[in-house]
Amino acid sequence: MVTGTVKWFNSGKGFGFINSEDGNDIFVHFSALAGDDDEYKTLHENDEVEFDVVQGEKGPQANNVVVTKKAPPQQSSRGGFGGGYGGGRGGGGGRGGGGRGGGPGGGKGRSGGINKKKRRSY
């Protein structure tokens, strides 16, 4: 058996690459992962693995892949709350100005001052 580290693995597509101990990149398909057929098979970046190398259609390929040491969970680079329009928790007014009664629109509707209709007051 050969040892290596998972370089990347796309669980949606079911394949990735392992960097073997000799420095070669070895293709890995989810069907080569050892384990119960009922469990969801995936690998994570930097998992340490043992595997056999077989000759695939396009070159060397991993087979009978076993995770020997799981990598620590990856932290998201986005960090915490936020994202999208209007910021994070309890944040801004979203798209189109501040809406009615405040913010950049100055109370002129959702379009931020580009309201062509005049309001009538009765």
N, C-alpha and C. Protein backbone atom coordinates (compact mmCIF):
# COMPACT_ATOMS: atom_id res chain seq x y z
N MET A 1 0.84 -1.20 0.00
CA MET A 1 0.00 0.00 0.00
C MET A 1 0.88 1.25 0.00
N VAL A 2 0.34 2.28 -0.62
CA VAL A 2 1.02 3.57 -0.72
C VAL A 2 0.29 4.55 0.20
N THR A 3 1.03 5.52 0.74
CA THR A 3 0.40 6.55 1.56
C THR A 3 0.43 7.87 0.81
N GLY A 4 -0.47 8.76 1.19
CA GLY A 4 -0.53 10.07 0.56
C GLY A 4 -1.48 10.99 1.31
N THR A 5 -1.63 12.18 0.75
CA THR A 5 -2.50 13.21 1.32
C THR A 5 -3.47 13.68 0.24
N VAL A 6 -4.73 13.82 0.61
CA VAL A 6 -5.74 14.26 -0.35
C VAL A 6 -5.45 15.70 -0.75
N LYS A 7 -5.25 15.89 -2.04
CA LYS A 7 -4.98 17.23 -2.59
C LYS A 7 -6.29 18.00 -2.70
N TRP A 8 -7.27 17.38 -3.33
CA TRP A 8 -8.64 17.91 -3.38
C TRP A 8 -9.57 16.79 -3.77
N PHE A 9 -10.84 16.96 -3.39
CA PHE A 9 -11.85 15.96 -3.73
C PHE A 9 -13.19 16.68 -3.86
N ASN A 10 -13.84 16.53 -5.01
CA ASN A 10 -15.14 17.14 -5.26
C ASN A 10 -16.21 16.07 -5.01
N SER A 11 -16.86 16.15 -3.85
CA SER A 11 -17.83 15.12 -3.51
C SER A 11 -19.06 15.15 -4.42
N GLY A 12 -19.37 16.31 -5.00
CA GLY A 12 -20.49 16.41 -5.92
C GLY A 12 -20.24 15.64 -7.20
N LYS A 13 -19.01 15.68 -7.68
CA LYS A 13 -18.65 14.98 -8.91
C LYS A 13 -18.08 13.60 -8.63
N GLY A 14 -17.65 13.37 -7.38
CA GLY A 14 -17.20 12.04 -6.99
C GLY A 14 -15.77 11.70 -7.36
N PHE A 15 -14.91 12.69 -7.52
CA PHE A 15 -13.51 12.39 -7.82
C PHE A 15 -12.60 13.50 -7.31
N GLY A 16 -11.30 13.20 -7.32
CA GLY A 16 -10.30 14.17 -6.91
C GLY A 16 -8.91 13.61 -7.12
N PHE A 17 -7.94 14.17 -6.39
CA PHE A 17 -6.56 13.72 -6.52
C PHE A 17 -5.90 13.58 -5.16
N ILE A 18 -5.02 12.60 -5.08
CA ILE A 18 -4.21 12.35 -3.89
C ILE A 18 -2.77 12.63 -4.27
N ASN A 19 -2.05 13.33 -3.40
CA ASN A 19 -0.62 13.55 -3.59
C ASN A 19 0.09 12.40 -2.87
N SER A 20 0.67 11.48 -3.64
CA SER A 20 1.30 10.30 -3.04
C SER A 20 2.63 10.67 -2.39
N GLU A 21 3.12 9.77 -1.56
CA GLU A 21 4.37 10.02 -0.82
C GLU A 21 5.56 10.27 -1.75
N ASP A 22 5.50 9.77 -2.99
CA ASP A 22 6.60 10.02 -3.93
C ASP A 22 6.40 11.29 -4.75
N GLY A 23 5.33 12.06 -4.44
CA GLY A 23 5.12 13.35 -5.09
C GLY A 23 4.23 13.34 -6.31
N ASN A 24 3.75 12.16 -6.71
CA ASN A 24 2.87 12.08 -7.88
C ASN A 24 1.42 12.34 -7.50
N ASP A 25 0.67 12.95 -8.41
CA ASP A 25 -0.76 13.14 -8.22
C ASP A 25 -1.48 11.91 -8.76
N ILE A 26 -2.29 11.29 -7.91
CA ILE A 26 -3.00 10.07 -8.27
C ILE A 26 -4.50 10.35 -8.29
N PHE A 27 -5.15 10.03 -9.39
CA PHE A 27 -6.59 10.21 -9.53
C PHE A 27 -7.31 9.27 -8.56
N VAL A 28 -8.40 9.76 -7.95
CA VAL A 28 -9.22 8.92 -7.08
C VAL A 28 -10.70 9.15 -7.39
N HIS A 29 -11.44 8.06 -7.54
CA HIS A 29 -12.88 8.10 -7.78
C HIS A 29 -13.57 7.59 -6.51
N PHE A 30 -14.77 8.11 -6.24
CA PHE A 30 -15.44 7.72 -4.99
C PHE A 30 -15.67 6.22 -4.89
N SER A 31 -15.78 5.54 -6.02
CA SER A 31 -15.99 4.09 -5.99
C SER A 31 -14.78 3.34 -5.46
N ALA A 32 -13.62 4.01 -5.38
CA ALA A 32 -12.40 3.38 -4.87
C ALA A 32 -12.25 3.54 -3.36
N LEU A 33 -13.19 4.27 -2.72
CA LEU A 33 -13.10 4.49 -1.28
C LEU A 33 -13.63 3.27 -0.54
N ALA A 34 -12.83 2.76 0.40
CA ALA A 34 -13.23 1.60 1.18
C ALA A 34 -14.30 2.02 2.19
N GLY A 35 -15.16 1.09 2.55
CA GLY A 35 -16.21 1.37 3.53
C GLY A 35 -17.50 0.69 3.14
N ASP A 36 -18.48 0.83 4.03
CA ASP A 36 -19.79 0.23 3.77
C ASP A 36 -20.45 0.91 2.57
N ASP A 37 -21.17 0.13 1.80
CA ASP A 37 -21.88 0.69 0.66
C ASP A 37 -22.97 1.66 1.09
N ASP A 38 -23.47 1.50 2.32
CA ASP A 38 -24.55 2.36 2.81
C ASP A 38 -24.07 3.73 3.26
N GLU A 39 -22.80 3.84 3.63
CA GLU A 39 -22.31 5.13 4.13
C GLU A 39 -21.90 6.05 2.97
N TYR A 40 -22.03 7.36 3.22
CA TYR A 40 -21.65 8.35 2.21
C TYR A 40 -20.14 8.40 2.12
N LYS A 41 -19.61 8.19 0.93
CA LYS A 41 -18.16 8.14 0.75
C LYS A 41 -17.64 9.46 0.23
N THR A 42 -16.69 10.04 0.95
CA THR A 42 -16.06 11.28 0.51
C THR A 42 -14.69 11.40 1.15
N LEU A 43 -13.88 12.27 0.62
CA LEU A 43 -12.58 12.61 1.19
C LEU A 43 -12.54 14.11 1.40
N HIS A 44 -11.66 14.55 2.28
CA HIS A 44 -11.49 15.98 2.54
C HIS A 44 -10.04 16.37 2.31
N GLU A 45 -9.84 17.59 1.88
CA GLU A 45 -8.50 18.11 1.64
C GLU A 45 -7.63 17.88 2.87
N ASN A 46 -6.42 17.38 2.65
CA ASN A 46 -5.41 17.10 3.67
C ASN A 46 -5.68 15.85 4.51
N ASP A 47 -6.72 15.06 4.19
CA ASP A 47 -6.86 13.75 4.84
C ASP A 47 -5.64 12.92 4.46
N GLU A 48 -5.12 12.15 5.43
CA GLU A 48 -4.03 11.22 5.13
C GLU A 48 -4.66 9.87 4.80
N VAL A 49 -4.18 9.24 3.72
CA VAL A 49 -4.80 8.02 3.23
C VAL A 49 -3.75 6.96 2.88
N GLU A 50 -4.22 5.70 2.85
CA GLU A 50 -3.45 4.58 2.31
C GLU A 50 -4.26 4.01 1.16
N PHE A 51 -3.58 3.56 0.12
CA PHE A 51 -4.29 3.07 -1.05
C PHE A 51 -3.38 2.21 -1.91
N ASP A 52 -4.00 1.45 -2.80
CA ASP A 52 -3.28 0.70 -3.83
C ASP A 52 -3.30 1.54 -5.10
N VAL A 53 -2.26 1.41 -5.91
CA VAL A 53 -2.22 2.11 -7.20
C VAL A 53 -2.47 1.08 -8.29
N VAL A 54 -3.46 1.38 -9.14
CA VAL A 54 -3.77 0.53 -10.28
C VAL A 54 -3.69 1.38 -11.54
N GLN A 55 -3.57 0.72 -12.68
CA GLN A 55 -3.51 1.46 -13.94
C GLN A 55 -4.93 1.68 -14.45
N GLY A 56 -5.34 2.95 -14.52
CA GLY A 56 -6.66 3.30 -15.03
C GLY A 56 -6.59 3.60 -16.52
N GLU A 57 -7.71 4.04 -17.08
CA GLU A 57 -7.78 4.36 -18.50
C GLU A 57 -6.83 5.48 -18.89
N LYS A 58 -6.66 6.45 -17.98
CA LYS A 58 -5.84 7.62 -18.30
C LYS A 58 -4.59 7.74 -17.44
N GLY A 59 -4.20 6.66 -16.79
CA GLY A 59 -2.99 6.70 -15.97
C GLY A 59 -3.22 6.09 -14.61
N PRO A 60 -2.27 6.31 -13.68
CA PRO A 60 -2.39 5.71 -12.35
C PRO A 60 -3.64 6.21 -11.62
N GLN A 61 -4.24 5.27 -10.87
CA GLN A 61 -5.48 5.56 -10.18
C GLN A 61 -5.45 4.88 -8.82
N ALA A 62 -6.00 5.54 -7.80
CA ALA A 62 -6.05 4.96 -6.45
C ALA A 62 -7.18 3.95 -6.36
N ASN A 63 -6.95 2.91 -5.56
CA ASN A 63 -7.96 1.89 -5.32
C ASN A 63 -7.88 1.47 -3.86
N ASN A 64 -8.98 0.99 -3.29
CA ASN A 64 -9.03 0.57 -1.88
C ASN A 64 -8.51 1.67 -0.95
N VAL A 65 -9.02 2.88 -1.11
CA VAL A 65 -8.55 4.04 -0.34
C VAL A 65 -9.14 4.00 1.07
N VAL A 66 -8.24 4.12 2.06
CA VAL A 66 -8.63 4.13 3.47
C VAL A 66 -8.05 5.38 4.11
N VAL A 67 -8.90 6.14 4.82
CA VAL A 67 -8.43 7.33 5.54
C VAL A 67 -7.75 6.86 6.81
N THR A 68 -6.48 7.25 6.98
CA THR A 68 -5.74 6.88 8.19
C THR A 68 -5.73 7.99 9.22
N LYS A 69 -5.88 9.23 8.76
CA LYS A 69 -5.93 10.37 9.67
C LYS A 69 -6.74 11.47 9.01
N LYS A 70 -7.86 11.84 9.66
CA LYS A 70 -8.71 12.90 9.11
C LYS A 70 -8.07 14.25 9.34
N ALA A 71 -8.20 15.12 8.36
CA ALA A 71 -7.70 16.49 8.47
C ALA A 71 -8.63 17.28 9.39
N PRO A 72 -8.07 18.27 10.12
CA PRO A 72 -8.95 19.12 10.93
C PRO A 72 -9.92 19.88 10.03
N PRO A 73 -11.12 20.19 10.53
CA PRO A 73 -12.10 20.92 9.71
C PRO A 73 -11.54 22.24 9.21
N GLN A 74 -11.87 22.57 7.95
CA GLN A 74 -11.41 23.82 7.35
C GLN A 74 -12.29 24.97 7.83
N GLN A 75 -11.67 26.10 8.18
CA GLN A 75 -12.40 27.31 8.53
C GLN A 75 -12.81 28.00 7.25
N SER A 76 -14.01 28.55 7.23
CA SER A 76 -14.47 29.31 6.07
C SER A 76 -13.72 30.62 6.01
N SER A 77 -13.27 31.01 4.82
CA SER A 77 -12.55 32.27 4.67
C SER A 77 -13.50 33.45 4.74
N ARG A 78 -14.81 33.19 4.66
CA ARG A 78 -15.78 34.28 4.71
C ARG A 78 -15.96 34.77 6.14
N GLY A 79 -15.87 33.88 7.11
CA GLY A 79 -15.91 34.25 8.50
C GLY A 79 -17.22 34.81 9.01
N GLY A 80 -17.84 34.15 9.95
CA GLY A 80 -18.96 34.68 10.70
C GLY A 80 -20.19 35.05 9.88
N PHE A 81 -20.85 36.08 10.37
CA PHE A 81 -22.10 36.53 9.76
C PHE A 81 -21.80 37.43 8.58
N GLY A 82 -22.83 37.73 7.83
CA GLY A 82 -22.67 38.72 6.77
C GLY A 82 -22.86 38.12 5.41
N GLY A 83 -22.42 38.87 4.43
CA GLY A 83 -22.56 38.44 3.05
C GLY A 83 -23.88 38.90 2.47
N GLY A 84 -23.99 38.85 1.20
CA GLY A 84 -25.21 39.24 0.53
C GLY A 84 -25.44 40.73 0.58
N TYR A 85 -26.61 41.15 0.15
CA TYR A 85 -26.94 42.57 0.18
C TYR A 85 -27.32 42.98 1.59
N GLY A 86 -26.85 44.11 2.01
CA GLY A 86 -27.29 44.65 3.28
C GLY A 86 -26.53 44.18 4.49
N GLY A 87 -25.45 43.47 4.33
CA GLY A 87 -24.61 43.12 5.46
C GLY A 87 -25.13 41.95 6.26
N GLY A 88 -24.61 41.83 7.47
CA GLY A 88 -24.89 40.69 8.31
C GLY A 88 -26.05 40.91 9.25
N ARG A 89 -25.97 40.28 10.41
CA ARG A 89 -27.04 40.26 11.41
C ARG A 89 -27.69 41.61 11.62
N GLY A 90 -28.95 41.71 11.36
CA GLY A 90 -29.67 42.95 11.58
C GLY A 90 -29.15 44.10 10.75
N GLY A 91 -28.41 43.78 9.70
CA GLY A 91 -27.68 44.80 8.95
C GLY A 91 -28.54 45.61 8.02
N GLY A 92 -27.91 46.37 7.22
CA GLY A 92 -28.39 47.42 6.34
C GLY A 92 -29.71 47.23 5.65
N GLY A 93 -29.99 48.11 4.77
CA GLY A 93 -31.29 48.16 4.12
C GLY A 93 -31.38 47.33 2.86
N GLY A 94 -30.37 46.60 2.51
CA GLY A 94 -30.42 45.79 1.30
C GLY A 94 -30.31 46.63 0.05
N ARG A 95 -30.81 46.09 -1.05
CA ARG A 95 -30.73 46.78 -2.35
C ARG A 95 -31.70 47.94 -2.42
N GLY A 96 -31.37 48.92 -3.22
CA GLY A 96 -32.31 49.98 -3.55
C GLY A 96 -32.46 51.06 -2.51
N GLY A 97 -31.44 51.35 -1.77
CA GLY A 97 -31.53 52.43 -0.80
C GLY A 97 -32.16 51.99 0.50
N GLY A 98 -32.53 52.96 1.29
CA GLY A 98 -33.00 52.67 2.64
C GLY A 98 -34.47 52.35 2.73
N GLY A 99 -35.19 52.36 1.65
CA GLY A 99 -36.61 52.08 1.72
C GLY A 99 -37.36 53.30 2.24
N ARG A 100 -38.59 53.12 2.66
CA ARG A 100 -39.41 54.25 3.11
C ARG A 100 -38.91 54.80 4.43
N GLY A 101 -38.88 56.11 4.50
CA GLY A 101 -38.67 56.78 5.78
C GLY A 101 -37.26 56.75 6.32
N GLY A 102 -36.26 56.70 5.52
CA GLY A 102 -34.93 56.79 6.10
C GLY A 102 -33.86 56.28 5.16
N GLY A 103 -32.66 56.45 5.55
CA GLY A 103 -31.53 55.98 4.78
C GLY A 103 -31.31 56.82 3.54
N PRO A 104 -30.53 56.32 2.62
CA PRO A 104 -30.13 57.07 1.44
C PRO A 104 -31.30 57.53 0.58
N GLY A 105 -32.47 56.87 0.68
CA GLY A 105 -33.60 57.25 -0.14
C GLY A 105 -34.32 58.49 0.36
N GLY A 106 -34.08 58.89 1.59
CA GLY A 106 -34.70 60.08 2.13
C GLY A 106 -36.22 60.02 2.16
N GLY A 107 -36.79 58.83 2.32
CA GLY A 107 -38.23 58.72 2.41
C GLY A 107 -38.93 58.82 1.07
N LYS A 108 -38.25 58.62 -0.01
CA LYS A 108 -38.84 58.78 -1.35
C LYS A 108 -39.15 57.44 -1.99
N GLY A 109 -39.39 56.44 -1.23
CA GLY A 109 -39.74 55.14 -1.79
C GLY A 109 -38.52 54.25 -1.92
N ARG A 110 -38.73 53.10 -2.49
CA ARG A 110 -37.68 52.09 -2.55
C ARG A 110 -36.64 52.38 -3.60
N SER A 111 -36.89 53.28 -4.51
CA SER A 111 -35.97 53.47 -5.62
C SER A 111 -34.88 54.48 -5.30
N GLY A 112 -34.81 54.96 -4.08
CA GLY A 112 -33.73 55.87 -3.71
C GLY A 112 -33.85 57.23 -4.39
N GLY A 113 -35.05 57.73 -4.57
CA GLY A 113 -35.20 59.08 -5.11
C GLY A 113 -35.56 59.14 -6.58
N ILE A 114 -35.81 58.01 -7.22
CA ILE A 114 -36.14 58.02 -8.64
C ILE A 114 -37.61 57.65 -8.80
N ASN A 115 -38.44 58.21 -7.96
CA ASN A 115 -39.87 57.92 -7.99
C ASN A 115 -40.56 58.98 -8.84
N LYS A 116 -41.07 58.59 -9.99
CA LYS A 116 -41.65 59.56 -10.93
C LYS A 116 -43.08 59.93 -10.56
N LYS A 117 -43.77 59.07 -9.83
CA LYS A 117 -45.14 59.38 -9.44
C LYS A 117 -45.13 60.29 -8.23
N LYS A 118 -46.01 61.27 -8.24
CA LYS A 118 -46.14 62.13 -7.07
C LYS A 118 -47.26 61.58 -6.21
N ARG A 119 -47.04 61.58 -4.94
CA ARG A 119 -48.04 61.08 -4.01
C ARG A 119 -49.05 62.18 -3.69
N ARG A 120 -50.26 61.79 -3.62
CA ARG A 120 -51.32 62.72 -3.25
C ARG A 120 -51.68 62.48 -1.80
N SER A 121 -51.88 63.53 -1.09
CA SER A 121 -52.35 63.38 0.28
C SER A 121 -53.77 63.91 0.36
N TYR A 122 -54.65 63.20 0.99
CA TYR A 122 -56.07 63.57 1.07
C TYR A 122 -56.41 64.03 2.45
